Amino acid sequence: MVTYTGRRSGRTFSTPVAFRRAGDTVTIDVMLPDSKTWWRNFADQGGPISLELDGVDRTGHAVAHRGKAGRVVVTVSLDA
């Protein structure tokens, strides 16, 4: 589950996601990115995010990247 604040609305949202974790980096592959909007909150400079990992809420900074094939990946650097 990820929790974030909308860039324009200022509202808090939570959405379930699948992810991979390697140390303090979490990678989220956004399936069907053109039909989803949540990841756009992390375009350009990115923004703060909270993830539930092993039952514990962790915070970090997320940045979304769209590749040449249209795939979107959100990379999260977890806070210490």
PDB file of N, CA and C in Angstrom:
ATOM      1  N   MET A   1       0.859  -1.173   0.000  1.00  0.00           N
ATOM      2  CA  MET A   1       0.000   0.000   0.000  1.00  0.00           C
ATOM      3  C   MET A   1       0.903   1.233   0.000  1.00  0.00           C
ATOM      4  N   VAL A   2       0.615   2.178  -0.883  1.00  0.00           N
ATOM      5  CA  VAL A   2       1.318   3.459  -0.875  1.00  0.00           C
ATOM      6  C   VAL A   2       0.337   4.559  -0.497  1.00  0.00           C
ATOM      7  N   THR A   3       0.840   5.550   0.218  1.00  0.00           N
ATOM      8  CA  THR A   3       0.048   6.707   0.615  1.00  0.00           C
ATOM      9  C   THR A   3       0.813   7.951   0.185  1.00  0.00           C
ATOM     10  N   TYR A   4       0.088   8.899  -0.410  1.00  0.00           N
ATOM     11  CA  TYR A   4       0.732  10.100  -0.932  1.00  0.00           C
ATOM     12  C   TYR A   4      -0.266  11.247  -0.913  1.00  0.00           C
ATOM     13  N   THR A   5       0.243  12.447  -1.116  1.00  0.00           N
ATOM     14  CA  THR A   5      -0.586  13.644  -1.187  1.00  0.00           C
ATOM     15  C   THR A   5      -0.651  14.105  -2.635  1.00  0.00           C
ATOM     16  N   GLY A   6      -1.854  14.340  -3.125  1.00  0.00           N
ATOM     17  CA  GLY A   6      -2.037  14.800  -4.499  1.00  0.00           C
ATOM     18  C   GLY A   6      -1.395  16.163  -4.717  1.00  0.00           C
ATOM     19  N   ARG A   7      -0.691  16.324  -5.834  1.00  0.00           N
ATOM     20  CA  ARG A   7      -0.003  17.593  -6.121  1.00  0.00           C
ATOM     21  C   ARG A   7      -0.968  18.761  -6.232  1.00  0.00           C
ATOM     22  N   ARG A   8      -2.072  18.556  -6.907  1.00  0.00           N
ATOM     23  CA  ARG A   8      -3.016  19.659  -7.127  1.00  0.00           C
ATOM     24  C   ARG A   8      -4.075  19.753  -6.041  1.00  0.00           C
ATOM     25  N   SER A   9      -4.584  18.612  -5.590  1.00  0.00           N
ATOM     26  CA  SER A   9      -5.701  18.623  -4.637  1.00  0.00           C
ATOM     27  C   SER A   9      -5.250  18.816  -3.199  1.00  0.00           C
ATOM     28  N   GLY A  10      -4.025  18.372  -2.880  1.00  0.00           N
ATOM     29  CA  GLY A  10      -3.564  18.423  -1.502  1.00  0.00           C
ATOM     30  C   GLY A  10      -4.188  17.346  -0.630  1.00  0.00           C
ATOM     31  N   ARG A  11      -5.014  16.483  -1.236  1.00  0.00           N
ATOM     32  CA  ARG A  11      -5.673  15.400  -0.494  1.00  0.00           C
ATOM     33  C   ARG A  11      -4.739  14.209  -0.363  1.00  0.00           C
ATOM     34  N   THR A  12      -4.960  13.411   0.679  1.00  0.00           N
ATOM     35  CA  THR A  12      -4.181  12.200   0.905  1.00  0.00           C
ATOM     36  C   THR A  12      -4.898  11.019   0.277  1.00  0.00           C
ATOM     37  N   PHE A  13      -4.142  10.198  -0.444  1.00  0.00           N
ATOM     38  CA  PHE A  13      -4.677   9.019  -1.121  1.00  0.00           C
ATOM     39  C   PHE A  13      -3.854   7.795  -0.738  1.00  0.00           C
ATOM     40  N   SER A  14      -4.485   6.633  -0.748  1.00  0.00           N
ATOM     41  CA  SER A  14      -3.793   5.355  -0.560  1.00  0.00           C
ATOM     42  C   SER A  14      -4.229   4.414  -1.663  1.00  0.00           C
ATOM     43  N   THR A  15      -3.274   3.647  -2.181  1.00  0.00           N
ATOM     44  CA  THR A  15      -3.596   2.688  -3.233  1.00  0.00           C
ATOM     45  C   THR A  15      -2.698   1.464  -3.098  1.00  0.00           C
ATOM     46  N   PRO A  16      -3.241   0.283  -3.324  1.00  0.00           N
ATOM     47  CA  PRO A  16      -2.406  -0.924  -3.253  1.00  0.00           C
ATOM     48  C   PRO A  16      -1.534  -1.041  -4.504  1.00  0.00           C
ATOM     49  N   VAL A  17      -0.294  -1.468  -4.316  1.00  0.00           N
ATOM     50  CA  VAL A  17       0.624  -1.680  -5.434  1.00  0.00           C
ATOM     51  C   VAL A  17       1.475  -2.917  -5.160  1.00  0.00           C
ATOM     52  N   ALA A  18       1.995  -3.488  -6.222  1.00  0.00           N
ATOM     53  CA  ALA A  18       3.003  -4.542  -6.111  1.00  0.00           C
ATOM     54  C   ALA A  18       4.357  -3.870  -6.306  1.00  0.00           C
ATOM     55  N   PHE A  19       5.371  -4.360  -5.616  1.00  0.00           N
ATOM     56  CA  PHE A  19       6.680  -3.720  -5.704  1.00  0.00           C
ATOM     57  C   PHE A  19       7.791  -4.739  -5.488  1.00  0.00           C
ATOM     58  N   ARG A  20       9.019  -4.288  -5.813  1.00  0.00           N
ATOM     59  CA  ARG A  20      10.230  -5.053  -5.519  1.00  0.00           C
ATOM     60  C   ARG A  20      11.083  -4.186  -4.604  1.00  0.00           C
ATOM     61  N   ARG A  21      11.729  -4.834  -3.651  1.00  0.00           N
ATOM     62  CA  ARG A  21      12.576  -4.083  -2.730  1.00  0.00           C
ATOM     63  C   ARG A  21      13.985  -4.641  -2.762  1.00  0.00           C
ATOM     64  N   ALA A  22      14.953  -3.733  -2.825  1.00  0.00           N
ATOM     65  CA  ALA A  22      16.367  -4.093  -2.736  1.00  0.00           C
ATOM     66  C   ALA A  22      17.013  -3.092  -1.785  1.00  0.00           C
ATOM     67  N   GLY A  23      17.183  -3.497  -0.542  1.00  0.00           N
ATOM     68  CA  GLY A  23      17.741  -2.591   0.457  1.00  0.00           C
ATOM     69  C   GLY A  23      16.803  -1.435   0.717  1.00  0.00           C
ATOM     70  N   ASP A  24      17.317  -0.212   0.527  1.00  0.00           N
ATOM     71  CA  ASP A  24      16.523   0.993   0.775  1.00  0.00           C
ATOM     72  C   ASP A  24      15.895   1.556  -0.496  1.00  0.00           C
ATOM     73  N   THR A  25      15.809   0.727  -1.545  1.00  0.00           N
ATOM     74  CA  THR A  25      15.187   1.146  -2.797  1.00  0.00           C
ATOM     75  C   THR A  25      14.002   0.241  -3.105  1.00  0.00           C
ATOM     76  N   VAL A  26      12.872   0.856  -3.405  1.00  0.00           N
ATOM     77  CA  VAL A  26      11.659   0.127  -3.772  1.00  0.00           C
ATOM     78  C   VAL A  26      11.307   0.509  -5.207  1.00  0.00           C
ATOM     79  N   THR A  27      11.006  -0.493  -6.027  1.00  0.00           N
ATOM     80  CA  THR A  27      10.649  -0.266  -7.421  1.00  0.00           C
ATOM     81  C   THR A  27       9.213  -0.718  -7.650  1.00  0.00           C
ATOM     82  N   ILE A  28       8.409   0.180  -8.226  1.00  0.00           N
ATOM     83  CA  ILE A  28       7.008  -0.107  -8.522  1.00  0.00           C
ATOM     84  C   ILE A  28       6.820  -0.009 -10.032  1.00  0.00           C
ATOM     85  N   ASP A  29       6.462  -1.124 -10.676  1.00  0.00           N
ATOM     86  CA  ASP A  29       6.121  -1.108 -12.097  1.00  0.00           C
ATOM     87  C   ASP A  29       4.636  -0.782 -12.202  1.00  0.00           C
ATOM     88  N   VAL A  30       4.301   0.309 -12.872  1.00  0.00           N
ATOM     89  CA  VAL A  30       2.906   0.735 -13.001  1.00  0.00           C
ATOM     90  C   VAL A  30       2.293   0.030 -14.207  1.00  0.00           C
ATOM     91  N   MET A  31       1.366  -0.859 -13.952  1.00  0.00           N
ATOM     92  CA  MET A  31       0.684  -1.562 -15.032  1.00  0.00           C
ATOM     93  C   MET A  31      -0.395  -0.661 -15.630  1.00  0.00           C
ATOM     94  N   LEU A  32      -0.522  -0.660 -16.943  1.00  0.00           N
ATOM     95  CA  LEU A  32      -1.498   0.175 -17.655  1.00  0.00           C
ATOM     96  C   LEU A  32      -1.423   1.636 -17.193  1.00  0.00           C
ATOM     97  N   PRO A  33      -0.253   2.261 -17.301  1.00  0.00           N
ATOM     98  CA  PRO A  33      -0.069   3.606 -16.743  1.00  0.00           C
ATOM     99  C   PRO A  33      -0.976   4.675 -17.338  1.00  0.00           C
ATOM    100  N   ASP A  34      -1.425   4.498 -18.584  1.00  0.00           N
ATOM    101  CA  ASP A  34      -2.284   5.518 -19.183  1.00  0.00           C
ATOM    102  C   ASP A  34      -3.688   5.521 -18.588  1.00  0.00           C
ATOM    103  N   SER A  35      -4.051   4.446 -17.888  1.00  0.00           N
ATOM    104  CA  SER A  35      -5.370   4.396 -17.255  1.00  0.00           C
ATOM    105  C   SER A  35      -5.295   4.698 -15.755  1.00  0.00           C
ATOM    106  N   LYS A  36      -4.102   5.043 -15.275  1.00  0.00           N
ATOM    107  CA  LYS A  36      -3.921   5.371 -13.855  1.00  0.00           C
ATOM    108  C   LYS A  36      -3.335   6.770 -13.747  1.00  0.00           C
ATOM    109  N   THR A  37      -3.644   7.443 -12.665  1.00  0.00           N
ATOM    110  CA  THR A  37      -3.130   8.801 -12.502  1.00  0.00           C
ATOM    111  C   THR A  37      -2.228   8.966 -11.288  1.00  0.00           C
ATOM    112  N   TRP A  38      -2.261   8.037 -10.336  1.00  0.00           N
ATOM    113  CA  TRP A  38      -1.540   8.243  -9.084  1.00  0.00           C
ATOM    114  C   TRP A  38      -0.056   8.486  -9.296  1.00  0.00           C
ATOM    115  N   TRP A  39       0.565   7.803 -10.230  1.00  0.00           N
ATOM    116  CA  TRP A  39       2.010   7.897 -10.432  1.00  0.00           C
ATOM    117  C   TRP A  39       2.434   9.272 -10.942  1.00  0.00           C
ATOM    118  N   ARG A  40       1.509  10.019 -11.535  1.00  0.00           N
ATOM    119  CA  ARG A  40       1.854  11.344 -12.071  1.00  0.00           C
ATOM    120  C   ARG A  40       2.237  12.332 -10.964  1.00  0.00           C
ATOM    121  N   ASN A  41       1.851  12.032  -9.733  1.00  0.00           N
ATOM    122  CA  ASN A  41       2.249  12.865  -8.598  1.00  0.00           C
ATOM    123  C   ASN A  41       3.751  12.804  -8.353  1.00  0.00           C
ATOM    124  N   PHE A  42       4.433  11.857  -8.986  1.00  0.00           N
ATOM    125  CA  PHE A  42       5.865  11.665  -8.763  1.00  0.00           C
ATOM    126  C   PHE A  42       6.698  11.942 -10.010  1.00  0.00           C
ATOM    127  N   ALA A  43       6.080  12.576 -11.020  1.00  0.00           N
ATOM    128  CA  ALA A  43       6.807  12.941 -12.237  1.00  0.00           C
ATOM    129  C   ALA A  43       7.765  14.095 -11.926  1.00  0.00           C
ATOM    130  N   ASP A  44       8.696  14.330 -12.823  1.00  0.00           N
ATOM    131  CA  ASP A  44       9.677  15.418 -12.707  1.00  0.00           C
ATOM    132  C   ASP A  44      10.544  15.237 -11.464  1.00  0.00           C
ATOM    133  N   GLN A  45      10.386  16.117 -10.479  1.00  0.00           N
ATOM    134  CA  GLN A  45      11.224  16.085  -9.271  1.00  0.00           C
ATOM    135  C   GLN A  45      10.792  15.024  -8.259  1.00  0.00           C
ATOM    136  N   GLY A  46       9.636  14.407  -8.477  1.00  0.00           N
ATOM    137  CA  GLY A  46       9.139  13.406  -7.540  1.00  0.00           C
ATOM    138  C   GLY A  46       8.508  14.045  -6.322  1.00  0.00           C
ATOM    139  N   GLY A  47       8.296  13.229  -5.289  1.00  0.00           N
ATOM    140  CA  GLY A  47       7.674  13.744  -4.084  1.00  0.00           C
ATOM    141  C   GLY A  47       7.668  12.719  -2.972  1.00  0.00           C
ATOM    142  N   PRO A  48       7.210  13.133  -1.793  1.00  0.00           N
ATOM    143  CA  PRO A  48       7.186  12.232  -0.641  1.00  0.00           C
ATOM    144  C   PRO A  48       6.128  11.147  -0.802  1.00  0.00           C
ATOM    145  N   ILE A  49       6.435   9.995  -0.220  1.00  0.00           N
ATOM    146  CA  ILE A  49       5.539   8.846  -0.289  1.00  0.00           C
ATOM    147  C   ILE A  49       5.692   8.046   0.997  1.00  0.00           C
ATOM    148  N   SER A  50       4.662   7.321   1.360  1.00  0.00           N
ATOM    149  CA  SER A  50       4.708   6.398   2.491  1.00  0.00           C
ATOM    150  C   SER A  50       4.302   5.026   1.977  1.00  0.00           C
ATOM    151  N   LEU A  51       5.050   3.992   2.378  1.00  0.00           N
ATOM    152  CA  LEU A  51       4.757   2.623   1.967  1.00  0.00           C
ATOM    153  C   LEU A  51       4.629   1.740   3.191  1.00  0.00           C
ATOM    154  N   GLU A  52       3.741   0.778   3.110  1.00  0.00           N
ATOM    155  CA  GLU A  52       3.637  -0.216   4.167  1.00  0.00           C
ATOM    156  C   GLU A  52       4.533  -1.389   3.786  1.00  0.00           C
ATOM    157  N   LEU A  53       5.609  -1.577   4.555  1.00  0.00           N
ATOM    158  CA  LEU A  53       6.565  -2.651   4.304  1.00  0.00           C
ATOM    159  C   LEU A  53       6.644  -3.537   5.536  1.00  0.00           C
ATOM    160  N   ASP A  54       6.324  -4.792   5.386  1.00  0.00           N
ATOM    161  CA  ASP A  54       6.355  -5.746   6.501  1.00  0.00           C
ATOM    162  C   ASP A  54       5.543  -5.245   7.688  1.00  0.00           C
ATOM    163  N   GLY A  55       4.399  -4.617   7.403  1.00  0.00           N
ATOM    164  CA  GLY A  55       3.505  -4.155   8.452  1.00  0.00           C
ATOM    165  C   GLY A  55       3.910  -2.845   9.103  1.00  0.00           C
ATOM    166  N   VAL A  56       4.970  -2.208   8.590  1.00  0.00           N
ATOM    167  CA  VAL A  56       5.463  -0.956   9.158  1.00  0.00           C
ATOM    168  C   VAL A  56       5.407   0.126   8.085  1.00  0.00           C
ATOM    169  N   ASP A  57       4.911   1.315   8.435  1.00  0.00           N
ATOM    170  CA  ASP A  57       4.899   2.430   7.488  1.00  0.00           C
ATOM    171  C   ASP A  57       6.296   3.024   7.392  1.00  0.00           C
ATOM    172  N   ARG A  58       6.794   3.131   6.141  1.00  0.00           N
ATOM    173  CA  ARG A  58       8.102   3.736   5.870  1.00  0.00           C
ATOM    174  C   ARG A  58       7.897   4.900   4.921  1.00  0.00           C
ATOM    175  N   THR A  59       8.666   5.947   5.097  1.00  0.00           N
ATOM    176  CA  THR A  59       8.581   7.105   4.221  1.00  0.00           C
ATOM    177  C   THR A  59       9.768   7.134   3.275  1.00  0.00           C
ATOM    178  N   GLY A  60       9.603   7.884   2.199  1.00  0.00           N
ATOM    179  CA  GLY A  60      10.684   8.017   1.240  1.00  0.00           C
ATOM    180  C   GLY A  60      10.354   9.054   0.193  1.00  0.00           C
ATOM    181  N   HIS A  61      11.222   9.123  -0.814  1.00  0.00           N
ATOM    182  CA  HIS A  61      11.048  10.048  -1.933  1.00  0.00           C
ATOM    183  C   HIS A  61      10.874   9.220  -3.192  1.00  0.00           C
ATOM    184  N   ALA A  62       9.787   9.461  -3.926  1.00  0.00           N
ATOM    185  CA  ALA A  62       9.463   8.682  -5.124  1.00  0.00           C
ATOM    186  C   ALA A  62       9.610   9.538  -6.375  1.00  0.00           C
ATOM    187  N   VAL A  63      10.156   8.918  -7.435  1.00  0.00           N
ATOM    188  CA  VAL A  63      10.280   9.583  -8.734  1.00  0.00           C
ATOM    189  C   VAL A  63       9.772   8.623  -9.799  1.00  0.00           C
ATOM    190  N   ALA A  64       8.876   9.113 -10.669  1.00  0.00           N
ATOM    191  CA  ALA A  64       8.321   8.298 -11.755  1.00  0.00           C
ATOM    192  C   ALA A  64       9.064   8.591 -13.053  1.00  0.00           C
ATOM    193  N   HIS A  65       9.334   7.520 -13.802  1.00  0.00           N
ATOM    194  CA  HIS A  65      10.002   7.638 -15.101  1.00  0.00           C
ATOM    195  C   HIS A  65       9.196   6.860 -16.125  1.00  0.00           C
ATOM    196  N   ARG A  66       8.968   7.466 -17.282  1.00  0.00           N
ATOM    197  CA  ARG A  66       8.311   6.765 -18.388  1.00  0.00           C
ATOM    198  C   ARG A  66       9.384   6.451 -19.420  1.00  0.00           C
ATOM    199  N   GLY A  67       9.519   5.163 -19.745  1.00  0.00           N
ATOM    200  CA  GLY A  67      10.503   4.732 -20.723  1.00  0.00           C
ATOM    201  C   GLY A  67      10.013   4.905 -22.147  1.00  0.00           C
ATOM    202  N   LYS A  68      10.900   4.627 -23.089  1.00  0.00           N
ATOM    203  CA  LYS A  68      10.571   4.783 -24.510  1.00  0.00           C
ATOM    204  C   LYS A  68       9.404   3.905 -24.940  1.00  0.00           C
ATOM    205  N   ALA A  69       9.266   2.746 -24.332  1.00  0.00           N
ATOM    206  CA  ALA A  69       8.182   1.826 -24.693  1.00  0.00           C
ATOM    207  C   ALA A  69       6.871   2.180 -23.993  1.00  0.00           C
ATOM    208  N   GLY A  70       6.864   3.273 -23.214  1.00  0.00           N
ATOM    209  CA  GLY A  70       5.645   3.686 -22.530  1.00  0.00           C
ATOM    210  C   GLY A  70       5.499   3.132 -21.128  1.00  0.00           C
ATOM    211  N   ARG A  71       6.421   2.243 -20.732  1.00  0.00           N
ATOM    212  CA  ARG A  71       6.368   1.703 -19.368  1.00  0.00           C
ATOM    213  C   ARG A  71       6.664   2.794 -18.358  1.00  0.00           C
ATOM    214  N   VAL A  72       5.998   2.722 -17.213  1.00  0.00           N
ATOM    215  CA  VAL A  72       6.258   3.672 -16.134  1.00  0.00           C
ATOM    216  C   VAL A  72       6.772   2.899 -14.929  1.00  0.00           C
ATOM    217  N   VAL A  73       7.876   3.392 -14.382  1.00  0.00           N
ATOM    218  CA  VAL A  73       8.466   2.813 -13.182  1.00  0.00           C
ATOM    219  C   VAL A  73       8.587   3.927 -12.151  1.00  0.00           C
ATOM    220  N   VAL A  74       8.140   3.650 -10.935  1.00  0.00           N
ATOM    221  CA  VAL A  74       8.300   4.581  -9.825  1.00  0.00           C
ATOM    222  C   VAL A  74       9.386   4.012  -8.923  1.00  0.00           C
ATOM    223  N   THR A  75      10.440   4.803  -8.711  1.00  0.00           N
ATOM    224  CA  THR A  75      11.546   4.383  -7.856  1.00  0.00           C
ATOM    225  C   THR A  75      11.469   5.168  -6.559  1.00  0.00           C
ATOM    226  N   VAL A  76      11.477   4.440  -5.441  1.00  0.00           N
ATOM    227  CA  VAL A  76      11.369   5.054  -4.117  1.00  0.00           C
ATOM    228  C   VAL A  76      12.677   4.849  -3.372  1.00  0.00           C
ATOM    229  N   SER A  77      13.250   5.950  -2.893  1.00  0.00           N
ATOM    230  CA  SER A  77      14.411   5.896  -2.006  1.00  0.00           C
ATOM    231  C   SER A  77      13.876   6.069  -0.590  1.00  0.00           C
ATOM    232  N   LEU A  78      13.989   5.013   0.213  1.00  0.00           N
ATOM    233  CA  LEU A  78      13.440   5.051   1.568  1.00  0.00           C
ATOM    234  C   LEU A  78      14.277   5.940   2.477  1.00  0.00           C
ATOM    235  N   ASP A  79      13.601   6.652   3.393  1.00  0.00           N
ATOM    236  CA  ASP A  79      14.295   7.445   4.404  1.00  0.00           C
ATOM    237  C   ASP A  79      14.935   6.505   5.417  1.00  0.00           C
ATOM    238  N   ALA A  80      15.980   6.992   6.066  1.00  0.00           N
ATOM    239  CA  ALA A  80      16.689   6.178   7.075  1.00  0.00           C
ATOM    240  C   ALA A  80      15.840   5.941   8.295  1.00  0.00           C
TER     241      ALA A  80
END
